[in-house]
PDB file of N, CA and C in Angstrom:
ATOM      1  N   MET A   1      -1.270 -12.127 -13.304  1.00  0.00           N
ATOM      2  CA  MET A   1      -1.213 -11.088 -12.294  1.00  0.00           C
ATOM      3  C   MET A   1      -0.044 -10.135 -12.573  1.00  0.00           C
ATOM      4  N   LEU A   2       1.127 -10.646 -12.897  1.00  0.00           N
ATOM      5  CA  LEU A   2       2.250  -9.760 -13.186  1.00  0.00           C
ATOM      6  C   LEU A   2       2.028  -9.104 -14.539  1.00  0.00           C
ATOM      7  N   ARG A   3       2.428  -7.867 -14.654  1.00  0.00           N
ATOM      8  CA  ARG A   3       2.257  -7.145 -15.903  1.00  0.00           C
ATOM      9  C   ARG A   3       3.386  -6.140 -16.040  1.00  0.00           C
ATOM     10  N   HIS A   4       3.435  -5.527 -17.191  1.00  0.00           N
ATOM     11  CA  HIS A   4       4.428  -4.487 -17.440  1.00  0.00           C
ATOM     12  C   HIS A   4       4.177  -3.307 -16.508  1.00  0.00           C
ATOM     13  N   LEU A   5       5.225  -2.826 -15.872  1.00  0.00           N
ATOM     14  CA  LEU A   5       5.093  -1.685 -14.963  1.00  0.00           C
ATOM     15  C   LEU A   5       5.254  -0.379 -15.724  1.00  0.00           C
ATOM     16  N   THR A   6       4.475   0.617 -15.331  1.00  0.00           N
ATOM     17  CA  THR A   6       4.678   1.962 -15.861  1.00  0.00           C
ATOM     18  C   THR A   6       5.965   2.513 -15.248  1.00  0.00           C
ATOM     19  N   PRO A   7       6.527   3.571 -15.820  1.00  0.00           N
ATOM     20  CA  PRO A   7       7.719   4.170 -15.205  1.00  0.00           C
ATOM     21  C   PRO A   7       7.472   4.589 -13.752  1.00  0.00           C
ATOM     22  N   GLN A   8       6.276   5.101 -13.468  1.00  0.00           N
ATOM     23  CA  GLN A   8       5.959   5.523 -12.101  1.00  0.00           C
ATOM     24  C   GLN A   8       5.899   4.315 -11.166  1.00  0.00           C
ATOM     25  N   GLU A   9       5.275   3.231 -11.617  1.00  0.00           N
ATOM     26  CA  GLU A   9       5.215   2.014 -10.798  1.00  0.00           C
ATOM     27  C   GLU A   9       6.619   1.466 -10.547  1.00  0.00           C
ATOM     28  N   ARG A  10       7.452   1.518 -11.559  1.00  0.00           N
ATOM     29  CA  ARG A  10       8.833   1.043 -11.415  1.00  0.00           C
ATOM     30  C   ARG A  10       9.576   1.878 -10.368  1.00  0.00           C
ATOM     31  N   ARG A  11       9.420   3.205 -10.430  1.00  0.00           N
ATOM     32  CA  ARG A  11      10.082   4.083  -9.450  1.00  0.00           C
ATOM     33  C   ARG A  11       9.555   3.841  -8.045  1.00  0.00           C
ATOM     34  N   LEU A  12       8.223   3.715  -7.915  1.00  0.00           N
ATOM     35  CA  LEU A  12       7.637   3.477  -6.598  1.00  0.00           C
ATOM     36  C   LEU A  12       8.118   2.143  -6.040  1.00  0.00           C
ATOM     37  N   TRP A  13       8.091   1.091  -6.855  1.00  0.00           N
ATOM     38  CA  TRP A  13       8.533  -0.220  -6.381  1.00  0.00           C
ATOM     39  C   TRP A  13      10.005  -0.170  -5.967  1.00  0.00           C
ATOM     40  N   HIS A  14      10.816   0.586  -6.694  1.00  0.00           N
ATOM     41  CA  HIS A  14      12.224   0.744  -6.310  1.00  0.00           C
ATOM     42  C   HIS A  14      12.330   1.346  -4.907  1.00  0.00           C
ATOM     43  N   GLN A  15      11.465   2.286  -4.576  1.00  0.00           N
ATOM     44  CA  GLN A  15      11.467   2.908  -3.244  1.00  0.00           C
ATOM     45  C   GLN A  15      11.018   1.930  -2.159  1.00  0.00           C
ATOM     46  N   LEU A  16      10.039   1.069  -2.471  1.00  0.00           N
ATOM     47  CA  LEU A  16       9.404   0.228  -1.458  1.00  0.00           C
ATOM     48  C   LEU A  16      10.078  -1.131  -1.254  1.00  0.00           C
ATOM     49  N   ARG A  17      10.780  -1.635  -2.236  1.00  0.00           N
ATOM     50  CA  ARG A  17      11.305  -3.003  -2.166  1.00  0.00           C
ATOM     51  C   ARG A  17      12.511  -3.128  -1.237  1.00  0.00           C
ATOM     52  N   ASP A  18      12.784  -4.346  -0.841  1.00  0.00           N
ATOM     53  CA  ASP A  18      13.976  -4.694  -0.039  1.00  0.00           C
ATOM     54  C   ASP A  18      14.102  -3.884   1.241  1.00  0.00           C
ATOM     55  N   ARG A  19      12.980  -3.563   1.855  1.00  0.00           N
ATOM     56  CA  ARG A  19      12.961  -2.819   3.124  1.00  0.00           C
ATOM     57  C   ARG A  19      13.667  -1.457   3.033  1.00  0.00           C
ATOM     58  N   ARG A  20      13.677  -0.866   1.849  1.00  0.00           N
ATOM     59  CA  ARG A  20      14.303   0.446   1.662  1.00  0.00           C
ATOM     60  C   ARG A  20      13.466   1.570   2.251  1.00  0.00           C
ATOM     61  N   PHE A  21      12.182   1.334   2.392  1.00  0.00           N
ATOM     62  CA  PHE A  21      11.258   2.382   2.819  1.00  0.00           C
ATOM     63  C   PHE A  21      10.961   2.200   4.299  1.00  0.00           C
ATOM     64  N   ALA A  22      11.656   2.942   5.131  1.00  0.00           N
ATOM     65  CA  ALA A  22      11.465   2.916   6.586  1.00  0.00           C
ATOM     66  C   ALA A  22      11.586   1.500   7.146  1.00  0.00           C
ATOM     67  N   SER A  23      12.354   0.654   6.474  1.00  0.00           N
ATOM     68  CA  SER A  23      12.595  -0.740   6.884  1.00  0.00           C
ATOM     69  C   SER A  23      11.339  -1.605   6.866  1.00  0.00           C
ATOM     70  N   TYR A  24      10.269  -1.163   6.210  1.00  0.00           N
ATOM     71  CA  TYR A  24       9.045  -1.954   6.116  1.00  0.00           C
ATOM     72  C   TYR A  24       9.141  -2.935   4.958  1.00  0.00           C
ATOM     73  N   LYS A  25       8.510  -4.075   5.110  1.00  0.00           N
ATOM     74  CA  LYS A  25       8.481  -5.106   4.078  1.00  0.00           C
ATOM     75  C   LYS A  25       7.223  -4.941   3.231  1.00  0.00           C
ATOM     76  N   PHE A  26       7.405  -4.800   1.936  1.00  0.00           N
ATOM     77  CA  PHE A  26       6.298  -4.701   0.992  1.00  0.00           C
ATOM     78  C   PHE A  26       6.386  -5.866   0.015  1.00  0.00           C
ATOM     79  N   HIS A  27       5.233  -6.313  -0.470  1.00  0.00           N
ATOM     80  CA  HIS A  27       5.156  -7.359  -1.490  1.00  0.00           C
ATOM     81  C   HIS A  27       4.487  -6.764  -2.715  1.00  0.00           C
ATOM     82  N   ARG A  28       5.038  -7.072  -3.870  1.00  0.00           N
ATOM     83  CA  ARG A  28       4.425  -6.591  -5.102  1.00  0.00           C
ATOM     84  C   ARG A  28       3.427  -7.619  -5.604  1.00  0.00           C
ATOM     85  N   GLN A  29       2.194  -7.207  -5.759  1.00  0.00           N
ATOM     86  CA  GLN A  29       1.129  -8.048  -6.302  1.00  0.00           C
ATOM     87  C   GLN A  29       1.021  -9.372  -5.557  1.00  0.00           C
ATOM     88  N   ALA A  30       0.888  -9.301  -4.259  1.00  0.00           N
ATOM     89  CA  ALA A  30       0.763 -10.504  -3.433  1.00  0.00           C
ATOM     90  C   ALA A  30      -0.595 -11.156  -3.639  1.00  0.00           C
ATOM     91  N   SER A  31      -0.607 -12.464  -3.630  1.00  0.00           N
ATOM     92  CA  SER A  31      -1.854 -13.212  -3.733  1.00  0.00           C
ATOM     93  C   SER A  31      -2.502 -13.296  -2.367  1.00  0.00           C
ATOM     94  N   ARG A  32      -3.770 -12.985  -2.286  1.00  0.00           N
ATOM     95  CA  ARG A  32      -4.443 -13.012  -0.993  1.00  0.00           C
ATOM     96  C   ARG A  32      -4.593 -14.429  -0.461  1.00  0.00           C
ATOM     97  N   ARG A  33      -4.513 -15.437  -1.315  1.00  0.00           N
ATOM     98  CA  ARG A  33      -4.646 -16.817  -0.851  1.00  0.00           C
ATOM     99  C   ARG A  33      -3.460 -17.240   0.006  1.00  0.00           C
ATOM    100  N   THR A  34      -2.309 -16.679  -0.242  1.00  0.00           N
ATOM    101  CA  THR A  34      -1.115 -17.098   0.492  1.00  0.00           C
ATOM    102  C   THR A  34      -0.570 -16.004   1.394  1.00  0.00           C
ATOM    103  N   LEU A  35      -1.291 -14.931   1.527  1.00  0.00           N
ATOM    104  CA  LEU A  35      -0.812 -13.794   2.302  1.00  0.00           C
ATOM    105  C   LEU A  35      -1.355 -13.863   3.723  1.00  0.00           C
ATOM    106  N   TYR A  36      -0.466 -13.949   4.676  1.00  0.00           N
ATOM    107  CA  TYR A  36      -0.843 -13.947   6.086  1.00  0.00           C
ATOM    108  C   TYR A  36      -0.214 -12.724   6.719  1.00  0.00           C
ATOM    109  N   SER A  37      -1.039 -11.813   7.154  1.00  0.00           N
ATOM    110  CA  SER A  37      -0.511 -10.601   7.755  1.00  0.00           C
ATOM    111  C   SER A  37      -1.537 -10.014   8.706  1.00  0.00           C
ATOM    112  N   ARG A  38      -1.099  -9.069   9.490  1.00  0.00           N
ATOM    113  CA  ARG A  38      -1.989  -8.401  10.433  1.00  0.00           C
ATOM    114  C   ARG A  38      -2.818  -7.319   9.747  1.00  0.00           C
ATOM    115  N   PHE A  39      -2.312  -6.801   8.664  1.00  0.00           N
ATOM    116  CA  PHE A  39      -3.054  -5.818   7.881  1.00  0.00           C
ATOM    117  C   PHE A  39      -2.525  -5.844   6.458  1.00  0.00           C
ATOM    118  N   CYS A  40      -3.277  -5.254   5.551  1.00  0.00           N
ATOM    119  CA  CYS A  40      -2.852  -5.173   4.164  1.00  0.00           C
ATOM    120  C   CYS A  40      -3.124  -3.768   3.655  1.00  0.00           C
ATOM    121  N   LEU A  41      -2.111  -3.178   3.087  1.00  0.00           N
ATOM    122  CA  LEU A  41      -2.201  -1.855   2.487  1.00  0.00           C
ATOM    123  C   LEU A  41      -1.972  -2.016   0.987  1.00  0.00           C
ATOM    124  N   VAL A  42      -2.976  -1.691   0.202  1.00  0.00           N
ATOM    125  CA  VAL A  42      -2.885  -1.783  -1.249  1.00  0.00           C
ATOM    126  C   VAL A  42      -2.546  -0.396  -1.775  1.00  0.00           C
ATOM    127  N   ILE A  43      -1.481  -0.310  -2.569  1.00  0.00           N
ATOM    128  CA  ILE A  43      -1.052   0.963  -3.151  1.00  0.00           C
ATOM    129  C   ILE A  43      -1.161   0.821  -4.661  1.00  0.00           C
ATOM    130  N   GLU A  44      -1.952   1.690  -5.282  1.00  0.00           N
ATOM    131  CA  GLU A  44      -2.125   1.629  -6.722  1.00  0.00           C
ATOM    132  C   GLU A  44      -1.847   2.987  -7.342  1.00  0.00           C
ATOM    133  N   LEU A  45      -1.165   2.939  -8.479  1.00  0.00           N
ATOM    134  CA  LEU A  45      -0.951   4.132  -9.290  1.00  0.00           C
ATOM    135  C   LEU A  45      -1.835   3.995 -10.521  1.00  0.00           C
ATOM    136  N   ALA A  46      -2.552   5.048 -10.861  1.00  0.00           N
ATOM    137  CA  ALA A  46      -3.472   5.010 -11.997  1.00  0.00           C
ATOM    138  C   ALA A  46      -3.097   6.089 -12.997  1.00  0.00           C
ATOM    139  N   GLY A  47      -3.358   5.798 -14.240  1.00  0.00           N
ATOM    140  CA  GLY A  47      -3.050   6.734 -15.305  1.00  0.00           C
ATOM    141  C   GLY A  47      -2.381   5.991 -16.436  1.00  0.00           C
ATOM    142  N   GLY A  48      -2.094   6.672 -17.515  1.00  0.00           N
ATOM    143  CA  GLY A  48      -1.462   5.991 -18.637  1.00  0.00           C
ATOM    144  C   GLY A  48      -2.377   4.929 -19.207  1.00  0.00           C
ATOM    145  N   GLN A  49      -2.025   3.661 -19.015  1.00  0.00           N
ATOM    146  CA  GLN A  49      -2.826   2.568 -19.561  1.00  0.00           C
ATOM    147  C   GLN A  49      -4.168   2.433 -18.868  1.00  0.00           C
ATOM    148  N   HIS A  50      -4.388   3.137 -17.759  1.00  0.00           N
ATOM    149  CA  HIS A  50      -5.627   3.033 -16.996  1.00  0.00           C
ATOM    150  C   HIS A  50      -6.602   4.180 -17.283  1.00  0.00           C
ATOM    151  N   ASP A  51      -6.325   5.001 -18.275  1.00  0.00           N
ATOM    152  CA  ASP A  51      -7.111   6.219 -18.485  1.00  0.00           C
ATOM    153  C   ASP A  51      -8.620   5.993 -18.520  1.00  0.00           C
ATOM    154  N   ASN A  52      -9.081   4.932 -19.152  1.00  0.00           N
ATOM    155  CA  ASN A  52     -10.517   4.712 -19.301  1.00  0.00           C
ATOM    156  C   ASN A  52     -11.045   3.670 -18.326  1.00  0.00           C
ATOM    157  N   ARG A  53     -10.395   3.510 -17.186  1.00  0.00           N
ATOM    158  CA  ARG A  53     -10.766   2.437 -16.267  1.00  0.00           C
ATOM    159  C   ARG A  53     -11.277   2.960 -14.934  1.00  0.00           C
ATOM    160  N   THR A  54     -11.816   4.151 -14.905  1.00  0.00           N
ATOM    161  CA  THR A  54     -12.270   4.743 -13.650  1.00  0.00           C
ATOM    162  C   THR A  54     -13.318   3.878 -12.962  1.00  0.00           C
ATOM    163  N   GLU A  55     -14.295   3.393 -13.715  1.00  0.00           N
ATOM    164  CA  GLU A  55     -15.352   2.558 -13.124  1.00  0.00           C
ATOM    165  C   GLU A  55     -14.771   1.245 -12.597  1.00  0.00           C
ATOM    166  N   TYR A  56     -13.898   0.621 -13.380  1.00  0.00           N
ATOM    167  CA  TYR A  56     -13.251  -0.624 -12.932  1.00  0.00           C
ATOM    168  C   TYR A  56     -12.458  -0.380 -11.650  1.00  0.00           C
ATOM    169  N   ASP A  57     -11.691   0.705 -11.617  1.00  0.00           N
ATOM    170  CA  ASP A  57     -10.896   1.027 -10.427  1.00  0.00           C
ATOM    171  C   ASP A  57     -11.784   1.228  -9.206  1.00  0.00           C
ATOM    172  N   ALA A  58     -12.923   1.886  -9.384  1.00  0.00           N
ATOM    173  CA  ALA A  58     -13.845   2.115  -8.267  1.00  0.00           C
ATOM    174  C   ALA A  58     -14.402   0.792  -7.747  1.00  0.00           C
ATOM    175  N   ARG A  59     -14.796  -0.105  -8.659  1.00  0.00           N
ATOM    176  CA  ARG A  59     -15.300  -1.425  -8.236  1.00  0.00           C
ATOM    177  C   ARG A  59     -14.210  -2.220  -7.533  1.00  0.00           C
ATOM    178  N   ARG A  60     -13.017  -2.170  -8.058  1.00  0.00           N
ATOM    179  CA  ARG A  60     -11.885  -2.889  -7.458  1.00  0.00           C
ATOM    180  C   ARG A  60     -11.604  -2.354  -6.055  1.00  0.00           C
ATOM    181  N   THR A  61     -11.588  -1.045  -5.895  1.00  0.00           N
ATOM    182  CA  THR A  61     -11.354  -0.437  -4.582  1.00  0.00           C
ATOM    183  C   THR A  61     -12.441  -0.852  -3.599  1.00  0.00           C
ATOM    184  N   THR A  62     -13.689  -0.829  -4.036  1.00  0.00           N
ATOM    185  CA  THR A  62     -14.796  -1.252  -3.168  1.00  0.00           C
ATOM    186  C   THR A  62     -14.607  -2.695  -2.723  1.00  0.00           C
ATOM    187  N   TRP A  63     -14.275  -3.580  -3.658  1.00  0.00           N
ATOM    188  CA  TRP A  63     -14.081  -4.993  -3.318  1.00  0.00           C
ATOM    189  C   TRP A  63     -12.926  -5.169  -2.336  1.00  0.00           C
ATOM    190  N   LEU A  64     -11.804  -4.506  -2.584  1.00  0.00           N
ATOM    191  CA  LEU A  64     -10.645  -4.624  -1.689  1.00  0.00           C
ATOM    192  C   LEU A  64     -10.992  -4.152  -0.281  1.00  0.00           C
ATOM    193  N   LYS A  65     -11.713  -3.042  -0.187  1.00  0.00           N
ATOM    194  CA  LYS A  65     -12.115  -2.532   1.129  1.00  0.00           C
ATOM    195  C   LYS A  65     -13.062  -3.501   1.830  1.00  0.00           C
ATOM    196  N   GLN A  66     -13.936  -4.156   1.070  1.00  0.00           N
ATOM    197  CA  GLN A  66     -14.830  -5.153   1.659  1.00  0.00           C
ATOM    198  C   GLN A  66     -14.049  -6.339   2.221  1.00  0.00           C
ATOM    199  N   GLN A  67     -12.870  -6.587   1.679  1.00  0.00           N
ATOM    200  CA  GLN A  67     -12.016  -7.661   2.181  1.00  0.00           C
ATOM    201  C   GLN A  67     -11.239  -7.220   3.420  1.00  0.00           C
ATOM    202  N   GLY A  68     -11.412  -5.947   3.798  1.00  0.00           N
ATOM    203  CA  GLY A  68     -10.729  -5.426   4.976  1.00  0.00           C
ATOM    204  C   GLY A  68      -9.381  -4.797   4.673  1.00  0.00           C
ATOM    205  N   TRP A  69      -9.095  -4.561   3.409  1.00  0.00           N
ATOM    206  CA  TRP A  69      -7.822  -3.988   3.014  1.00  0.00           C
ATOM    207  C   TRP A  69      -7.953  -2.479   2.887  1.00  0.00           C
ATOM    208  N   THR A  70      -6.891  -1.778   3.202  1.00  0.00           N
ATOM    209  CA  THR A  70      -6.835  -0.331   3.030  1.00  0.00           C
ATOM    210  C   THR A  70      -6.248  -0.048   1.653  1.00  0.00           C
ATOM    211  N   VAL A  71      -6.864   0.861   0.912  1.00  0.00           N
ATOM    212  CA  VAL A  71      -6.434   1.147  -0.454  1.00  0.00           C
ATOM    213  C   VAL A  71      -6.006   2.601  -0.565  1.00  0.00           C
ATOM    214  N   LEU A  72      -4.808   2.807  -1.076  1.00  0.00           N
ATOM    215  CA  LEU A  72      -4.326   4.140  -1.439  1.00  0.00           C
ATOM    216  C   LEU A  72      -4.195   4.160  -2.955  1.00  0.00           C
ATOM    217  N   ARG A  73      -4.812   5.129  -3.592  1.00  0.00           N
ATOM    218  CA  ARG A  73      -4.744   5.232  -5.050  1.00  0.00           C
ATOM    219  C   ARG A  73      -4.232   6.624  -5.407  1.00  0.00           C
ATOM    220  N   PHE A  74      -3.211   6.647  -6.241  1.00  0.00           N
ATOM    221  CA  PHE A  74      -2.608   7.900  -6.685  1.00  0.00           C
ATOM    222  C   PHE A  74      -2.576   7.908  -8.208  1.00  0.00           C
ATOM    223  N   TRP A  75      -2.686   9.091  -8.785  1.00  0.00           N
ATOM    224  CA  TRP A  75      -2.505   9.248 -10.225  1.00  0.00           C
ATOM    225  C   TRP A  75      -1.014   9.256 -10.529  1.00  0.00           C
ATOM    226  N   ASN A  76      -0.638   8.733 -11.691  1.00  0.00           N
ATOM    227  CA  ASN A  76       0.765   8.769 -12.106  1.00  0.00           C
ATOM    228  C   ASN A  76       1.297  10.198 -12.096  1.00  0.00           C
ATOM    229  N   ILE A  77       0.503  11.138 -12.593  1.00  0.00           N
ATOM    230  CA  ILE A  77       0.934  12.535 -12.647  1.00  0.00           C
ATOM    231  C   ILE A  77       1.158  13.084 -11.244  1.00  0.00           C
ATOM    232  N   GLU A  78       0.341  12.660 -10.296  1.00  0.00           N
ATOM    233  CA  GLU A  78       0.505  13.071  -8.897  1.00  0.00           C
ATOM    234  C   GLU A  78       1.840  12.564  -8.360  1.00  0.00           C
ATOM    235  N   TYR A  79       2.165  11.311  -8.682  1.00  0.00           N
ATOM    236  CA  TYR A  79       3.441  10.744  -8.240  1.00  0.00           C
ATOM    237  C   TYR A  79       4.609  11.471  -8.912  1.00  0.00           C
ATOM    238  N   ASP A  80       4.469  11.783 -10.203  1.00  0.00           N
ATOM    239  CA  ASP A  80       5.519  12.514 -10.913  1.00  0.00           C
ATOM    240  C   ASP A  80       5.775  13.882 -10.287  1.00  0.00           C
ATOM    241  N   ARG A  81       4.715  14.577  -9.941  1.00  0.00           N
ATOM    242  CA  ARG A  81       4.841  15.951  -9.437  1.00  0.00           C
ATOM    243  C   ARG A  81       5.170  16.033  -7.955  1.00  0.00           C
ATOM    244  N   ASN A  82       4.804  15.001  -7.187  1.00  0.00           N
ATOM    245  CA  ASN A  82       4.972  15.086  -5.737  1.00  0.00           C
ATOM    246  C   ASN A  82       5.317  13.717  -5.144  1.00  0.00           C
ATOM    247  N   GLU A  83       6.405  13.144  -5.610  1.00  0.00           N
ATOM    248  CA  GLU A  83       6.823  11.821  -5.135  1.00  0.00           C
ATOM    249  C   GLU A  83       6.986  11.798  -3.618  1.00  0.00           C
ATOM    250  N   THR A  84       7.614  12.823  -3.063  1.00  0.00           N
ATOM    251  CA  THR A  84       7.824  12.881  -1.612  1.00  0.00           C
ATOM    252  C   THR A  84       6.498  12.901  -0.868  1.00  0.00           C
ATOM    253  N   GLY A  85       5.541  13.677  -1.345  1.00  0.00           N
ATOM    254  CA  GLY A  85       4.233  13.738  -0.699  1.00  0.00           C
ATOM    255  C   GLY A  85       3.506  12.401  -0.739  1.00  0.00           C
ATOM    256  N   VAL A  86       3.571  11.710  -1.875  1.00  0.00           N
ATOM    257  CA  VAL A  86       2.945  10.392  -1.992  1.00  0.00           C
ATOM    258  C   VAL A  86       3.596   9.425  -1.010  1.00  0.00           C
ATOM    259  N   LEU A  87       4.915   9.436  -0.938  1.00  0.00           N
ATOM    260  CA  LEU A  87       5.620   8.547  -0.008  1.00  0.00           C
ATOM    261  C   LEU A  87       5.270   8.872   1.442  1.00  0.00           C
ATOM    262  N   GLN A  88       5.067  10.147   1.747  1.00  0.00           N
ATOM    263  CA  GLN A  88       4.669  10.523   3.109  1.00  0.00           C
ATOM    264  C   GLN A  88       3.285   9.975   3.449  1.00  0.00           C
ATOM    265  N   VAL A  89       2.359  10.012   2.499  1.00  0.00           N
ATOM    266  CA  VAL A  89       1.020   9.453   2.728  1.00  0.00           C
ATOM    267  C   VAL A  89       1.122   7.944   2.955  1.00  0.00           C
ATOM    268  N   ILE A  90       1.931   7.270   2.154  1.00  0.00           N
ATOM    269  CA  ILE A  90       2.114   5.824   2.320  1.00  0.00           C
ATOM    270  C   ILE A  90       2.695   5.524   3.698  1.00  0.00           C
ATOM    271  N   LEU A  91       3.715   6.266   4.098  1.00  0.00           N
ATOM    272  CA  LEU A  91       4.344   6.046   5.403  1.00  0.00           C
ATOM    273  C   LEU A  91       3.356   6.296   6.537  1.00  0.00           C
ATOM    274  N   ARG A  92       2.650   7.409   6.486  1.00  0.00           N
ATOM    275  CA  ARG A  92       1.689   7.744   7.541  1.00  0.00           C
ATOM    276  C   ARG A  92       0.593   6.677   7.639  1.00  0.00           C
ATOM    277  N   THR A  93       0.079   6.237   6.503  1.00  0.00           N
ATOM    278  CA  THR A  93      -0.969   5.218   6.504  1.00  0.00           C
ATOM    279  C   THR A  93      -0.434   3.898   7.046  1.00  0.00           C
ATOM    280  N   HIS A  94       0.757   3.522   6.627  1.00  0.00           N
ATOM    281  CA  HIS A  94       1.369   2.279   7.119  1.00  0.00           C
ATOM    282  C   HIS A  94       1.528   2.329   8.629  1.00  0.00           C
ATOM    283  N   GLU A  95       2.006   3.449   9.140  1.00  0.00           N
ATOM    284  CA  GLU A  95       2.217   3.568  10.586  1.00  0.00           C
ATOM    285  C   GLU A  95       0.893   3.543  11.350  1.00  0.00           C
ATOM    286  N   GLU A  96      -0.166   4.108  10.768  1.00  0.00           N
ATOM    287  CA  GLU A  96      -1.486   4.066  11.416  1.00  0.00           C
ATOM    288  C   GLU A  96      -2.035   2.644  11.466  1.00  0.00           C
ATOM    289  N   LEU A  97      -1.730   1.844  10.458  1.00  0.00           N
ATOM    290  CA  LEU A  97      -2.237   0.475  10.383  1.00  0.00           C
ATOM    291  C   LEU A  97      -1.392  -0.524  11.160  1.00  0.00           C
ATOM    292  N   SER A  98      -0.107  -0.220  11.311  1.00  0.00           N
ATOM    293  CA  SER A  98       0.819  -1.173  11.930  1.00  0.00           C
ATOM    294  C   SER A  98       0.481  -1.408  13.384  1.00  0.00           C
ATOM    295  N   PRO A  99       0.501  -2.680  13.795  1.00  0.00           N
ATOM    296  CA  PRO A  99       0.340  -2.943  15.225  1.00  0.00           C
ATOM    297  C   PRO A  99       1.541  -2.399  15.981  1.00  0.00           C
ATOM    298  N   SER A 100       1.344  -2.102  17.243  1.00  0.00           N
ATOM    299  CA  SER A 100       2.437  -1.609  18.076  1.00  0.00           C
ATOM    300  C   SER A 100       3.562  -2.632  18.085  1.00  0.00           C
ATOM    301  N   PRO A 101       4.813  -2.188  17.938  1.00  0.00           N
ATOM    302  CA  PRO A 101       5.924  -3.145  17.952  1.00  0.00           C
ATOM    303  C   PRO A 101       6.080  -3.837  19.299  1.00  0.00           C
ATOM    304  N   ARG A 102       5.627  -3.199  20.350  1.00  0.00           N
ATOM    305  CA  ARG A 102       5.694  -3.806  21.681  1.00  0.00           C
ATOM    306  C   ARG A 102       4.297  -3.830  22.271  1.00  0.00           C
ATOM    307  N   PRO A 103       3.841  -4.994  22.716  1.00  0.00           N
ATOM    308  CA  PRO A 103       2.502  -5.031  23.309  1.00  0.00           C
ATOM    309  C   PRO A 103       2.438  -4.215  24.583  1.00  0.00           C
ATOM    310  N   SER A 104       1.256  -3.726  24.890  1.00  0.00           N
ATOM    311  CA  SER A 104       1.062  -2.989  26.137  1.00  0.00           C
ATOM    312  C   SER A 104       1.329  -3.917  27.310  1.00  0.00           C
ATOM    313  N   PRO A 105       1.894  -3.386  28.397  1.00  0.00           N
ATOM    314  CA  PRO A 105       2.154  -4.246  29.549  1.00  0.00           C
ATOM    315  C   PRO A 105       0.857  -4.807  30.114  1.00  0.00           C
ATOM    316  N   SER A 106       0.935  -6.018  30.597  1.00  0.00           N
ATOM    317  CA  SER A 106      -0.225  -6.663  31.197  1.00  0.00           C
ATOM    318  C   SER A 106      -0.579  -5.969  32.497  1.00  0.00           C
ATOM    319  N   ARG A 107      -1.867  -5.857  32.762  1.00  0.00           N
ATOM    320  CA  ARG A 107      -2.304  -5.236  34.016  1.00  0.00           C
ATOM    321  C   ARG A 107      -2.186  -6.228  35.164  1.00  0.00           C
ATOM    322  N   ARG A 108      -2.038  -7.510  34.841  1.00  0.00           N
ATOM    323  CA  ARG A 108      -1.926  -8.529  35.869  1.00  0.00           C
ATOM    324  C   ARG A 108      -0.662  -8.283  36.697  1.00  0.00           C
ATOM    325  N   GLY A 109      -0.793  -8.317  37.971  1.00  0.00           N
ATOM    326  CA  GLY A 109       0.354  -8.176  38.854  1.00  0.00           C
ATOM    327  C   GLY A 109       0.761  -6.744  39.113  1.00  0.00           C
ATOM    328  N   LEU A 110      -0.039  -5.786  38.667  1.00  0.00           N
ATOM    329  CA  LEU A 110       0.336  -4.389  38.875  1.00  0.00           C
ATOM    330  C   LEU A 110      -0.303  -3.809  40.130  1.00  0.00           C
ATOM    331  N   GLY A 111      -0.774  -4.644  40.997  1.00  0.00           N
ATOM    332  CA  GLY A 111      -1.238  -3.995  42.172  1.00  0.00           C
ATOM    333  C   GLY A 111      -2.347  -4.576  42.867  1.00  0.00           C
TER     334      GLY A 111
END
């Protein structure tokens, strides 16, 4: 599962690791067998070594979505040219998926 990271993957992981990104916890290449969470956001960078893998990437994305996971896929060149924009998409998607930090008040006893 672990493999050599592209420069773009290395930069992105540096941004996301150790709760550096909006204090959110990210896991690199987490195994679904041991992952317990309320939601899963898969972030993939494509390009470089993936140039001829468009069909594989499409099948992989379909399978991940069937598992109930949200997939964000960016090209390496897109990340190089617009790192801030890519990070904004990741943040916005994470916030849309995240459960509310505080549950709604119970209606019981309100009247």
